[in-house]
């Protein structure tokens, strides 16, 4: 019996990124028992990525489907993916500014089969064009925490994750529309999966790559991103917990990051710009947590 696998990406005005993603997918390793298909959901007002999709999927090795979802907001696009994929098999989410490695999909599926996980998260390898900018990738602005192969995960993101569609359908898990333009809807979604009893696992060798464009390698962009991460972290708690629990959580988390951030700043005398950058990153994230607790919402994806 074949195993249904859907590879899905939501896209918004990133034609070059989408093209590179689809080209990398041509090189995927696929097991004989996999029935693979692709779903690309375009969340622009008009189907602006359709021509890129048609060009890049000409003579594609697997079935491909282009879907236009004009209702703005990342949760709308990702919920459309869930509706299009159905209730059977696995769904692999990847971003439209990433590329996949050949063994990526097989590694995710094997981990899901080994652990019975409702979702499997893989790592993202950050890249830059200019070697002089590589130091950014070794700071908390971009560096991602690594976990042991098979380690339990209590949350994830849609940048690299495999999802059990039958579990999602059974527990009616959906992306929260209230986070349409802030971000954080994927974090909240996988927290909901865990609350519903789903197990998360980490696949250490299921790599995707993301090249950081030059405009992101600036203090203004990087600090703003960390502030938004903190802001959305607070919002995910406020949407699911009592005010008392949310306040306690945000205060403890915000104060903790502030203390550690100040420590990193002090270490910059020895560690140089990496210590300074880590300190600023944590202080920005802490400020975002406090702002979210106070009711502010930072629009990370405004329309």
C-alpha atoms as a PDB file:
ATOM      1  CA  UNK A   1       0.000   0.000   0.000  1.00  0.00           C
ATOM      2  CA  UNK A   2       1.406   3.393  -1.002  1.00  0.00           C
ATOM      3  CA  UNK A   3       2.088   6.124   1.535  1.00  0.00           C
ATOM      4  CA  UNK A   4       0.649   9.505   0.547  1.00  0.00           C
ATOM      5  CA  UNK A   5       3.081  12.397   0.998  1.00  0.00           C
ATOM      6  CA  UNK A   6       2.248  16.020   0.193  1.00  0.00           C
ATOM      7  CA  UNK A   7       5.061  18.570  -0.038  1.00  0.00           C
ATOM      8  CA  UNK A   8       3.577  22.023   0.467  1.00  0.00           C
ATOM      9  CA  UNK A   9       4.729  25.631   0.399  1.00  0.00           C
ATOM     10  CA  UNK A  10       2.785  28.850   0.820  1.00  0.00           C
ATOM     11  CA  UNK A  11       4.155  31.683  -1.265  1.00  0.00           C
ATOM     12  CA  UNK A  12       3.726  35.449  -1.464  1.00  0.00           C
ATOM     13  CA  UNK A  13       5.602  37.459  -4.103  1.00  0.00           C
ATOM     14  CA  UNK A  14       8.816  35.424  -3.991  1.00  0.00           C
ATOM     15  CA  UNK A  15       9.116  34.155  -7.563  1.00  0.00           C
ATOM     16  CA  UNK A  16      12.870  33.541  -7.408  1.00  0.00           C
ATOM     17  CA  UNK A  17      12.623  31.750  -4.077  1.00  0.00           C
ATOM     18  CA  UNK A  18       9.774  29.552  -5.279  1.00  0.00           C
ATOM     19  CA  UNK A  19      11.696  28.666  -8.433  1.00  0.00           C
ATOM     20  CA  UNK A  20      14.780  27.623  -6.445  1.00  0.00           C
ATOM     21  CA  UNK A  21      12.656  25.564  -4.061  1.00  0.00           C
ATOM     22  CA  UNK A  22      10.965  23.658  -6.876  1.00  0.00           C
ATOM     23  CA  UNK A  23      14.285  23.046  -8.622  1.00  0.00           C
ATOM     24  CA  UNK A  24      15.752  21.578  -5.438  1.00  0.00           C
ATOM     25  CA  UNK A  25      12.714  19.326  -5.061  1.00  0.00           C
ATOM     26  CA  UNK A  26      13.483  17.687  -8.405  1.00  0.00           C
ATOM     27  CA  UNK A  27      16.484  16.042  -6.721  1.00  0.00           C
ATOM     28  CA  UNK A  28      14.537  14.514  -3.821  1.00  0.00           C
ATOM     29  CA  UNK A  29      15.139  10.907  -2.902  1.00  0.00           C
ATOM     30  CA  UNK A  30      11.810   9.062  -2.756  1.00  0.00           C
ATOM     31  CA  UNK A  31      11.076   5.535  -1.569  1.00  0.00           C
ATOM     32  CA  UNK A  32       9.190   3.136  -3.796  1.00  0.00           C
ATOM     33  CA  UNK A  33       6.224   3.072  -1.405  1.00  0.00           C
ATOM     34  CA  UNK A  34       5.763   6.863  -1.455  1.00  0.00           C
ATOM     35  CA  UNK A  35       3.005   8.468  -3.488  1.00  0.00           C
ATOM     36  CA  UNK A  36       4.402  11.986  -3.694  1.00  0.00           C
ATOM     37  CA  UNK A  37       2.615  15.157  -4.796  1.00  0.00           C
ATOM     38  CA  UNK A  38       3.170  18.906  -4.412  1.00  0.00           C
ATOM     39  CA  UNK A  39       0.810  21.715  -3.410  1.00  0.00           C
ATOM     40  CA  UNK A  40       1.790  25.372  -3.841  1.00  0.00           C
ATOM     41  CA  UNK A  41      -0.614  27.908  -2.325  1.00  0.00           C
ATOM     42  CA  UNK A  42      -0.252  31.459  -3.634  1.00  0.00           C
ATOM     43  CA  UNK A  43      -1.529  33.974  -1.053  1.00  0.00           C
ATOM     44  CA  UNK A  44      -1.212  37.065  -3.257  1.00  0.00           C
ATOM     45  CA  UNK A  45      -4.283  39.106  -4.292  1.00  0.00           C
ATOM     46  CA  UNK A  46      -3.826  37.779  -7.821  1.00  0.00           C
ATOM     47  CA  UNK A  47      -2.240  34.453  -8.907  1.00  0.00           C
ATOM     48  CA  UNK A  48       1.104  36.176  -9.420  1.00  0.00           C
ATOM     49  CA  UNK A  49       3.250  33.040  -9.002  1.00  0.00           C
ATOM     50  CA  UNK A  50       1.315  30.875 -11.430  1.00  0.00           C
ATOM     51  CA  UNK A  51       3.662  31.483 -14.356  1.00  0.00           C
ATOM     52  CA  UNK A  52       6.700  30.585 -12.237  1.00  0.00           C
ATOM     53  CA  UNK A  53       4.947  27.460 -11.028  1.00  0.00           C
ATOM     54  CA  UNK A  54       4.034  26.385 -14.552  1.00  0.00           C
ATOM     55  CA  UNK A  55       7.565  26.968 -15.834  1.00  0.00           C
ATOM     56  CA  UNK A  56       9.320  25.161 -12.991  1.00  0.00           C
ATOM     57  CA  UNK A  57       6.952  22.182 -12.845  1.00  0.00           C
ATOM     58  CA  UNK A  58       7.097  21.430 -16.573  1.00  0.00           C
ATOM     59  CA  UNK A  59       8.125  17.766 -16.813  1.00  0.00           C
ATOM     60  CA  UNK A  60       8.234  17.595 -13.008  1.00  0.00           C
ATOM     61  CA  UNK A  61       8.769  14.067 -11.657  1.00  0.00           C
ATOM     62  CA  UNK A  62       5.629  14.179  -9.496  1.00  0.00           C
ATOM     63  CA  UNK A  63       2.113  15.551  -9.525  1.00  0.00           C
ATOM     64  CA  UNK A  64       1.888  19.277  -8.765  1.00  0.00           C
ATOM     65  CA  UNK A  65      -1.057  21.464  -7.858  1.00  0.00           C
ATOM     66  CA  UNK A  66      -1.186  25.263  -7.876  1.00  0.00           C
ATOM     67  CA  UNK A  67      -3.830  26.861  -5.641  1.00  0.00           C
ATOM     68  CA  UNK A  68      -4.679  30.549  -5.387  1.00  0.00           C
ATOM     69  CA  UNK A  69      -5.883  31.645  -1.929  1.00  0.00           C
ATOM     70  CA  UNK A  70      -6.717  35.381  -2.208  1.00  0.00           C
ATOM     71  CA  UNK A  71      -7.861  35.830   1.403  1.00  0.00           C
ATOM     72  CA  UNK A  72      -4.807  37.536   2.947  1.00  0.00           C
ATOM     73  CA  UNK A  73      -2.989  36.077   5.917  1.00  0.00           C
ATOM     74  CA  UNK A  74      -0.609  33.177   6.524  1.00  0.00           C
ATOM     75  CA  UNK A  75      -3.163  31.148   8.547  1.00  0.00           C
ATOM     76  CA  UNK A  76      -5.590  31.313   5.613  1.00  0.00           C
ATOM     77  CA  UNK A  77      -2.945  30.006   3.218  1.00  0.00           C
ATOM     78  CA  UNK A  78      -1.835  27.205   5.542  1.00  0.00           C
ATOM     79  CA  UNK A  79      -5.380  26.176   6.382  1.00  0.00           C
ATOM     80  CA  UNK A  80      -6.006  25.999   2.638  1.00  0.00           C
ATOM     81  CA  UNK A  81      -3.060  23.599   2.414  1.00  0.00           C
ATOM     82  CA  UNK A  82      -4.654  21.384   5.059  1.00  0.00           C
ATOM     83  CA  UNK A  83      -7.949  21.402   3.171  1.00  0.00           C
ATOM     84  CA  UNK A  84      -6.263  20.587  -0.140  1.00  0.00           C
ATOM     85  CA  UNK A  85      -4.177  17.743   1.313  1.00  0.00           C
ATOM     86  CA  UNK A  86      -7.063  15.965   3.019  1.00  0.00           C
ATOM     87  CA  UNK A  87      -6.993  13.532   5.930  1.00  0.00           C
ATOM     88  CA  UNK A  88      -4.651  10.739   4.869  1.00  0.00           C
ATOM     89  CA  UNK A  89      -0.865  10.432   4.818  1.00  0.00           C
ATOM     90  CA  UNK A  90       1.748  13.052   5.674  1.00  0.00           C
ATOM     91  CA  UNK A  91       2.165  16.710   4.807  1.00  0.00           C
ATOM     92  CA  UNK A  92       5.633  18.275   4.653  1.00  0.00           C
ATOM     93  CA  UNK A  93       5.758  22.059   5.034  1.00  0.00           C
ATOM     94  CA  UNK A  94       8.694  24.054   3.683  1.00  0.00           C
ATOM     95  CA  UNK A  95       9.091  27.808   3.124  1.00  0.00           C
ATOM     96  CA  UNK A  96       9.286  29.523  -0.247  1.00  0.00           C
ATOM     97  CA  UNK A  97      12.724  30.998   0.534  1.00  0.00           C
ATOM     98  CA  UNK A  98      14.298  27.619   1.290  1.00  0.00           C
ATOM     99  CA  UNK A  99      15.751  24.719  -0.675  1.00  0.00           C
ATOM    100  CA  UNK A 100      15.640  21.068   0.327  1.00  0.00           C
ATOM    101  CA  UNK A 101      18.418  18.470   0.459  1.00  0.00           C
ATOM    102  CA  UNK A 102      17.932  15.150  -1.397  1.00  0.00           C
ATOM    103  CA  UNK A 103      17.438  13.030   1.738  1.00  0.00           C
ATOM    104  CA  UNK A 104      15.191  15.581   3.481  1.00  0.00           C
ATOM    105  CA  UNK A 105      11.817  13.949   2.937  1.00  0.00           C
ATOM    106  CA  UNK A 106      12.922  10.367   3.553  1.00  0.00           C
ATOM    107  CA  UNK A 107      14.564  11.412   6.840  1.00  0.00           C
ATOM    108  CA  UNK A 108      11.349  13.088   8.035  1.00  0.00           C
ATOM    109  CA  UNK A 109       9.164  10.120   7.096  1.00  0.00           C
ATOM    110  CA  UNK A 110      11.492   7.562   8.651  1.00  0.00           C
ATOM    111  CA  UNK A 111      11.483   9.469  11.924  1.00  0.00           C
ATOM    112  CA  UNK A 112       7.683   9.655  11.892  1.00  0.00           C
ATOM    113  CA  UNK A 113       7.458   5.916  11.303  1.00  0.00           C
ATOM    114  CA  UNK A 114      10.038   5.149  13.978  1.00  0.00           C
ATOM    115  CA  UNK A 115       8.458   7.295  16.688  1.00  0.00           C
ATOM    116  CA  UNK A 116       4.782   7.477  15.734  1.00  0.00           C
ATOM    117  CA  UNK A 117       5.073  11.265  16.061  1.00  0.00           C
ATOM    118  CA  UNK A 118       2.220  13.536  15.025  1.00  0.00           C
ATOM    119  CA  UNK A 119       4.846  15.938  13.678  1.00  0.00           C
ATOM    120  CA  UNK A 120       8.561  15.756  12.912  1.00  0.00           C
ATOM    121  CA  UNK A 121      10.746  18.856  12.860  1.00  0.00           C
ATOM    122  CA  UNK A 122      13.998  19.156  10.914  1.00  0.00           C
ATOM    123  CA  UNK A 123      16.843  21.699  11.064  1.00  0.00           C
ATOM    124  CA  UNK A 124      17.419  24.720   8.833  1.00  0.00           C
ATOM    125  CA  UNK A 125      20.963  25.464   7.640  1.00  0.00           C
ATOM    126  CA  UNK A 126      21.477  29.210   7.245  1.00  0.00           C
ATOM    127  CA  UNK A 127      23.675  30.463   4.396  1.00  0.00           C
ATOM    128  CA  UNK A 128      25.037  33.817   3.160  1.00  0.00           C
ATOM    129  CA  UNK A 129      26.580  34.923  -0.119  1.00  0.00           C
ATOM    130  CA  UNK A 130      29.438  36.933   1.350  1.00  0.00           C
ATOM    131  CA  UNK A 131      31.810  35.099   3.713  1.00  0.00           C
ATOM    132  CA  UNK A 132      32.312  38.355   5.621  1.00  0.00           C
ATOM    133  CA  UNK A 133      28.680  38.163   6.743  1.00  0.00           C
ATOM    134  CA  UNK A 134      28.963  34.618   8.092  1.00  0.00           C
ATOM    135  CA  UNK A 135      29.433  35.829  11.672  1.00  0.00           C
ATOM    136  CA  UNK A 136      25.763  36.815  11.744  1.00  0.00           C
ATOM    137  CA  UNK A 137      24.813  33.133  11.451  1.00  0.00           C
ATOM    138  CA  UNK A 138      26.667  32.295  14.678  1.00  0.00           C
ATOM    139  CA  UNK A 139      24.615  34.719  16.761  1.00  0.00           C
ATOM    140  CA  UNK A 140      21.202  34.351  18.376  1.00  0.00           C
ATOM    141  CA  UNK A 141      19.773  36.480  15.569  1.00  0.00           C
ATOM    142  CA  UNK A 142      19.963  33.477  13.231  1.00  0.00           C
ATOM    143  CA  UNK A 143      21.413  30.489  15.066  1.00  0.00           C
ATOM    144  CA  UNK A 144      18.910  27.703  15.713  1.00  0.00           C
ATOM    145  CA  UNK A 145      19.126  25.269  18.563  1.00  0.00           C
ATOM    146  CA  UNK A 146      19.925  21.694  17.574  1.00  0.00           C
ATOM    147  CA  UNK A 147      18.400  18.645  19.233  1.00  0.00           C
ATOM    148  CA  UNK A 148      19.365  14.991  19.366  1.00  0.00           C
ATOM    149  CA  UNK A 149      18.026  12.730  16.634  1.00  0.00           C
ATOM    150  CA  UNK A 150      14.609  11.508  17.781  1.00  0.00           C
ATOM    151  CA  UNK A 151      14.389  13.952  20.701  1.00  0.00           C
ATOM    152  CA  UNK A 152      10.868  14.952  21.754  1.00  0.00           C
ATOM    153  CA  UNK A 153       9.631  18.358  20.605  1.00  0.00           C
ATOM    154  CA  UNK A 154       6.760  20.305  22.169  1.00  0.00           C
ATOM    155  CA  UNK A 155       6.438  22.850  19.373  1.00  0.00           C
ATOM    156  CA  UNK A 156       7.638  23.498  15.843  1.00  0.00           C
ATOM    157  CA  UNK A 157       7.504  25.830  12.853  1.00  0.00           C
ATOM    158  CA  UNK A 158       6.425  25.339   9.264  1.00  0.00           C
ATOM    159  CA  UNK A 159       9.876  26.077   7.838  1.00  0.00           C
ATOM    160  CA  UNK A 160      10.715  22.350   7.955  1.00  0.00           C
ATOM    161  CA  UNK A 161       8.180  19.947   9.410  1.00  0.00           C
ATOM    162  CA  UNK A 162       6.230  16.788   8.586  1.00  0.00           C
ATOM    163  CA  UNK A 163       2.670  16.519   9.824  1.00  0.00           C
ATOM    164  CA  UNK A 164       0.430  13.474  10.295  1.00  0.00           C
ATOM    165  CA  UNK A 165      -2.749  14.478   8.439  1.00  0.00           C
ATOM    166  CA  UNK A 166      -4.972  11.886  10.122  1.00  0.00           C
ATOM    167  CA  UNK A 167      -4.075  13.260  13.562  1.00  0.00           C
ATOM    168  CA  UNK A 168      -4.700  16.835  12.441  1.00  0.00           C
ATOM    169  CA  UNK A 169      -8.089  15.941  10.984  1.00  0.00           C
ATOM    170  CA  UNK A 170      -9.124  13.854  13.980  1.00  0.00           C
ATOM    171  CA  UNK A 171      -8.399  16.666  16.429  1.00  0.00           C
ATOM    172  CA  UNK A 172      -9.499  19.493  14.107  1.00  0.00           C
ATOM    173  CA  UNK A 173      -6.220  21.378  14.420  1.00  0.00           C
ATOM    174  CA  UNK A 174      -6.099  24.570  12.380  1.00  0.00           C
ATOM    175  CA  UNK A 175      -3.959  27.701  12.179  1.00  0.00           C
ATOM    176  CA  UNK A 176      -5.436  30.524  14.264  1.00  0.00           C
ATOM    177  CA  UNK A 177      -6.733  33.359  12.073  1.00  0.00           C
ATOM    178  CA  UNK A 178      -6.221  35.892  14.842  1.00  0.00           C
ATOM    179  CA  UNK A 179      -2.495  35.753  14.078  1.00  0.00           C
ATOM    180  CA  UNK A 180      -2.946  36.469  10.392  1.00  0.00           C
ATOM    181  CA  UNK A 181      -0.379  39.259  10.085  1.00  0.00           C
ATOM    182  CA  UNK A 182       1.755  38.935  13.224  1.00  0.00           C
ATOM    183  CA  UNK A 183       3.364  35.531  12.760  1.00  0.00           C
ATOM    184  CA  UNK A 184       3.479  32.884  15.468  1.00  0.00           C
ATOM    185  CA  UNK A 185       0.503  30.982  14.068  1.00  0.00           C
ATOM    186  CA  UNK A 186       2.702  27.954  13.330  1.00  0.00           C
ATOM    187  CA  UNK A 187       4.127  27.899  16.872  1.00  0.00           C
ATOM    188  CA  UNK A 188       0.590  28.007  18.267  1.00  0.00           C
ATOM    189  CA  UNK A 189      -0.599  25.310  15.847  1.00  0.00           C
ATOM    190  CA  UNK A 190       2.006  22.781  16.964  1.00  0.00           C
ATOM    191  CA  UNK A 191       1.428  23.662  20.599  1.00  0.00           C
ATOM    192  CA  UNK A 192      -2.236  22.796  19.956  1.00  0.00           C
ATOM    193  CA  UNK A 193      -1.163  19.470  18.418  1.00  0.00           C
ATOM    194  CA  UNK A 194       0.763  18.665  21.602  1.00  0.00           C
ATOM    195  CA  UNK A 195      -2.180  19.752  23.765  1.00  0.00           C
ATOM    196  CA  UNK A 196      -4.338  17.338  21.779  1.00  0.00           C
ATOM    197  CA  UNK A 197      -1.990  14.496  22.722  1.00  0.00           C
ATOM    198  CA  UNK A 198       0.330  14.505  19.723  1.00  0.00           C
ATOM    199  CA  UNK A 199       3.987  13.639  19.997  1.00  0.00           C
ATOM    200  CA  UNK A 200       6.653  15.750  18.324  1.00  0.00           C
ATOM    201  CA  UNK A 201      10.091  14.446  17.298  1.00  0.00           C
ATOM    202  CA  UNK A 202      13.293  15.904  15.848  1.00  0.00           C
ATOM    203  CA  UNK A 203      14.972  14.524  12.719  1.00  0.00           C
ATOM    204  CA  UNK A 204      18.575  15.692  12.926  1.00  0.00           C
ATOM    205  CA  UNK A 205      19.455  14.816   9.315  1.00  0.00           C
ATOM    206  CA  UNK A 206      16.351  16.215   7.573  1.00  0.00           C
ATOM    207  CA  UNK A 207      18.068  19.391   6.343  1.00  0.00           C
ATOM    208  CA  UNK A 208      16.692  22.327   4.413  1.00  0.00           C
ATOM    209  CA  UNK A 209      18.742  25.435   3.542  1.00  0.00           C
ATOM    210  CA  UNK A 210      17.850  29.109   3.733  1.00  0.00           C
ATOM    211  CA  UNK A 211      20.092  31.787   2.238  1.00  0.00           C
ATOM    212  CA  UNK A 212      19.827  35.099   4.046  1.00  0.00           C
ATOM    213  CA  UNK A 213      19.583  38.060   1.638  1.00  0.00           C
ATOM    214  CA  UNK A 214      21.736  41.117   2.262  1.00  0.00           C
ATOM    215  CA  UNK A 215      18.883  43.262   3.617  1.00  0.00           C
ATOM    216  CA  UNK A 216      18.412  40.858   6.535  1.00  0.00           C
ATOM    217  CA  UNK A 217      22.036  41.154   7.612  1.00  0.00           C
ATOM    218  CA  UNK A 218      21.509  44.483   9.312  1.00  0.00           C
ATOM    219  CA  UNK A 219      20.970  45.482  12.920  1.00  0.00           C
ATOM    220  CA  UNK A 220      17.630  47.108  12.192  1.00  0.00           C
ATOM    221  CA  UNK A 221      16.121  44.051  10.516  1.00  0.00           C
ATOM    222  CA  UNK A 222      17.615  41.515  12.925  1.00  0.00           C
ATOM    223  CA  UNK A 223      16.564  43.412  16.061  1.00  0.00           C
ATOM    224  CA  UNK A 224      13.062  43.931  14.691  1.00  0.00           C
ATOM    225  CA  UNK A 225      12.758  40.225  13.973  1.00  0.00           C
ATOM    226  CA  UNK A 226      13.737  39.290  17.554  1.00  0.00           C
ATOM    227  CA  UNK A 227      11.278  41.824  18.956  1.00  0.00           C
ATOM    228  CA  UNK A 228       8.525  40.250  16.835  1.00  0.00           C
ATOM    229  CA  UNK A 229       9.501  36.751  17.990  1.00  0.00           C
ATOM    230  CA  UNK A 230       9.062  37.861  21.599  1.00  0.00           C
ATOM    231  CA  UNK A 231       5.807  39.631  20.811  1.00  0.00           C
ATOM    232  CA  UNK A 232       4.266  36.595  19.125  1.00  0.00           C
ATOM    233  CA  UNK A 233       5.501  34.295  21.904  1.00  0.00           C
ATOM    234  CA  UNK A 234       3.450  36.340  24.363  1.00  0.00           C
ATOM    235  CA  UNK A 235       0.435  36.283  22.051  1.00  0.00           C
ATOM    236  CA  UNK A 236       0.466  32.495  21.713  1.00  0.00           C
ATOM    237  CA  UNK A 237       0.265  32.193  25.497  1.00  0.00           C
ATOM    238  CA  UNK A 238      -2.426  34.864  25.868  1.00  0.00           C
ATOM    239  CA  UNK A 239      -4.628  33.122  23.293  1.00  0.00           C
ATOM    240  CA  UNK A 240      -4.640  29.773  25.114  1.00  0.00           C
ATOM    241  CA  UNK A 241      -4.015  30.474  28.821  1.00  0.00           C
ATOM    242  CA  UNK A 242      -5.636  32.496  31.592  1.00  0.00           C
ATOM    243  CA  UNK A 243      -4.520  36.060  32.135  1.00  0.00           C
ATOM    244  CA  UNK A 244      -2.863  35.086  35.414  1.00  0.00           C
ATOM    245  CA  UNK A 245      -0.904  32.230  33.846  1.00  0.00           C
ATOM    246  CA  UNK A 246       0.044  34.341  30.822  1.00  0.00           C
ATOM    247  CA  UNK A 247       1.266  37.217  32.995  1.00  0.00           C
ATOM    248  CA  UNK A 248       3.413  34.931  35.132  1.00  0.00           C
ATOM    249  CA  UNK A 249       4.841  33.175  32.073  1.00  0.00           C
ATOM    250  CA  UNK A 250       5.705  36.403  30.243  1.00  0.00           C
ATOM    251  CA  UNK A 251       7.260  38.037  33.287  1.00  0.00           C
ATOM    252  CA  UNK A 252       9.449  35.034  34.063  1.00  0.00           C
ATOM    253  CA  UNK A 253      10.470  34.586  30.422  1.00  0.00           C
ATOM    254  CA  UNK A 254      11.041  38.298  29.800  1.00  0.00           C
ATOM    255  CA  UNK A 255      13.050  38.859  32.980  1.00  0.00           C
ATOM    256  CA  UNK A 256      15.084  35.707  32.353  1.00  0.00           C
ATOM    257  CA  UNK A 257      16.025  36.792  28.834  1.00  0.00           C
ATOM    258  CA  UNK A 258      16.870  40.279  30.090  1.00  0.00           C
ATOM    259  CA  UNK A 259      19.277  38.908  32.701  1.00  0.00           C
ATOM    260  CA  UNK A 260      20.944  36.538  30.233  1.00  0.00           C
ATOM    261  CA  UNK A 261      21.049  39.295  27.601  1.00  0.00           C
ATOM    262  CA  UNK A 262      22.846  41.645  29.971  1.00  0.00           C
ATOM    263  CA  UNK A 263      25.308  38.855  30.697  1.00  0.00           C
ATOM    264  CA  UNK A 264      26.014  38.461  26.981  1.00  0.00           C
ATOM    265  CA  UNK A 265      26.557  42.209  26.660  1.00  0.00           C
ATOM    266  CA  UNK A 266      29.094  42.089  29.485  1.00  0.00           C
ATOM    267  CA  UNK A 267      30.829  39.177  27.761  1.00  0.00           C
ATOM    268  CA  UNK A 268      31.374  41.264  24.644  1.00  0.00           C
ATOM    269  CA  UNK A 269      34.620  42.473  26.218  1.00  0.00           C
ATOM    270  CA  UNK A 270      35.907  38.939  25.587  1.00  0.00           C
ATOM    271  CA  UNK A 271      33.644  37.608  22.852  1.00  0.00           C
ATOM    272  CA  UNK A 272      33.510  40.757  20.749  1.00  0.00           C
ATOM    273  CA  UNK A 273      30.613  41.456  18.406  1.00  0.00           C
ATOM    274  CA  UNK A 274      29.107  37.977  18.864  1.00  0.00           C
ATOM    275  CA  UNK A 275      28.615  38.643  22.573  1.00  0.00           C
ATOM    276  CA  UNK A 276      27.201  42.073  21.827  1.00  0.00           C
ATOM    277  CA  UNK A 277      24.849  40.691  19.166  1.00  0.00           C
ATOM    278  CA  UNK A 278      23.590  37.898  21.434  1.00  0.00           C
ATOM    279  CA  UNK A 279      22.899  40.397  24.188  1.00  0.00           C
ATOM    280  CA  UNK A 280      20.974  42.733  21.901  1.00  0.00           C
ATOM    281  CA  UNK A 281      19.019  39.796  20.423  1.00  0.00           C
ATOM    282  CA  UNK A 282      17.839  38.602  23.839  1.00  0.00           C
ATOM    283  CA  UNK A 283      17.006  42.104  25.061  1.00  0.00           C
ATOM    284  CA  UNK A 284      14.968  42.744  21.908  1.00  0.00           C
ATOM    285  CA  UNK A 285      13.098  39.465  22.361  1.00  0.00           C
ATOM    286  CA  UNK A 286      12.420  40.252  26.014  1.00  0.00           C
ATOM    287  CA  UNK A 287      11.055  43.665  25.042  1.00  0.00           C
ATOM    288  CA  UNK A 288       8.791  41.922  22.549  1.00  0.00           C
ATOM    289  CA  UNK A 289       7.448  39.604  25.256  1.00  0.00           C
ATOM    290  CA  UNK A 290       6.646  42.553  27.523  1.00  0.00           C
ATOM    291  CA  UNK A 291       4.984  44.429  24.667  1.00  0.00           C
ATOM    292  CA  UNK A 292       2.804  41.411  23.854  1.00  0.00           C
ATOM    293  CA  UNK A 293       1.785  41.092  27.484  1.00  0.00           C
ATOM    294  CA  UNK A 294       0.795  44.779  27.424  1.00  0.00           C
ATOM    295  CA  UNK A 295      -1.462  44.128  24.420  1.00  0.00           C
ATOM    296  CA  UNK A 296       0.688  45.417  21.574  1.00  0.00           C
ATOM    297  CA  UNK A 297       0.831  43.487  18.311  1.00  0.00           C
ATOM    298  CA  UNK A 298       3.704  43.851  15.882  1.00  0.00           C
ATOM    299  CA  UNK A 299       2.671  43.183  12.303  1.00  0.00           C
ATOM    300  CA  UNK A 300       5.421  41.035  10.870  1.00  0.00           C
ATOM    301  CA  UNK A 301       3.476  40.382   7.662  1.00  0.00           C
ATOM    302  CA  UNK A 302       1.401  43.516   6.956  1.00  0.00           C
ATOM    303  CA  UNK A 303      -0.645  43.853   3.801  1.00  0.00           C
END
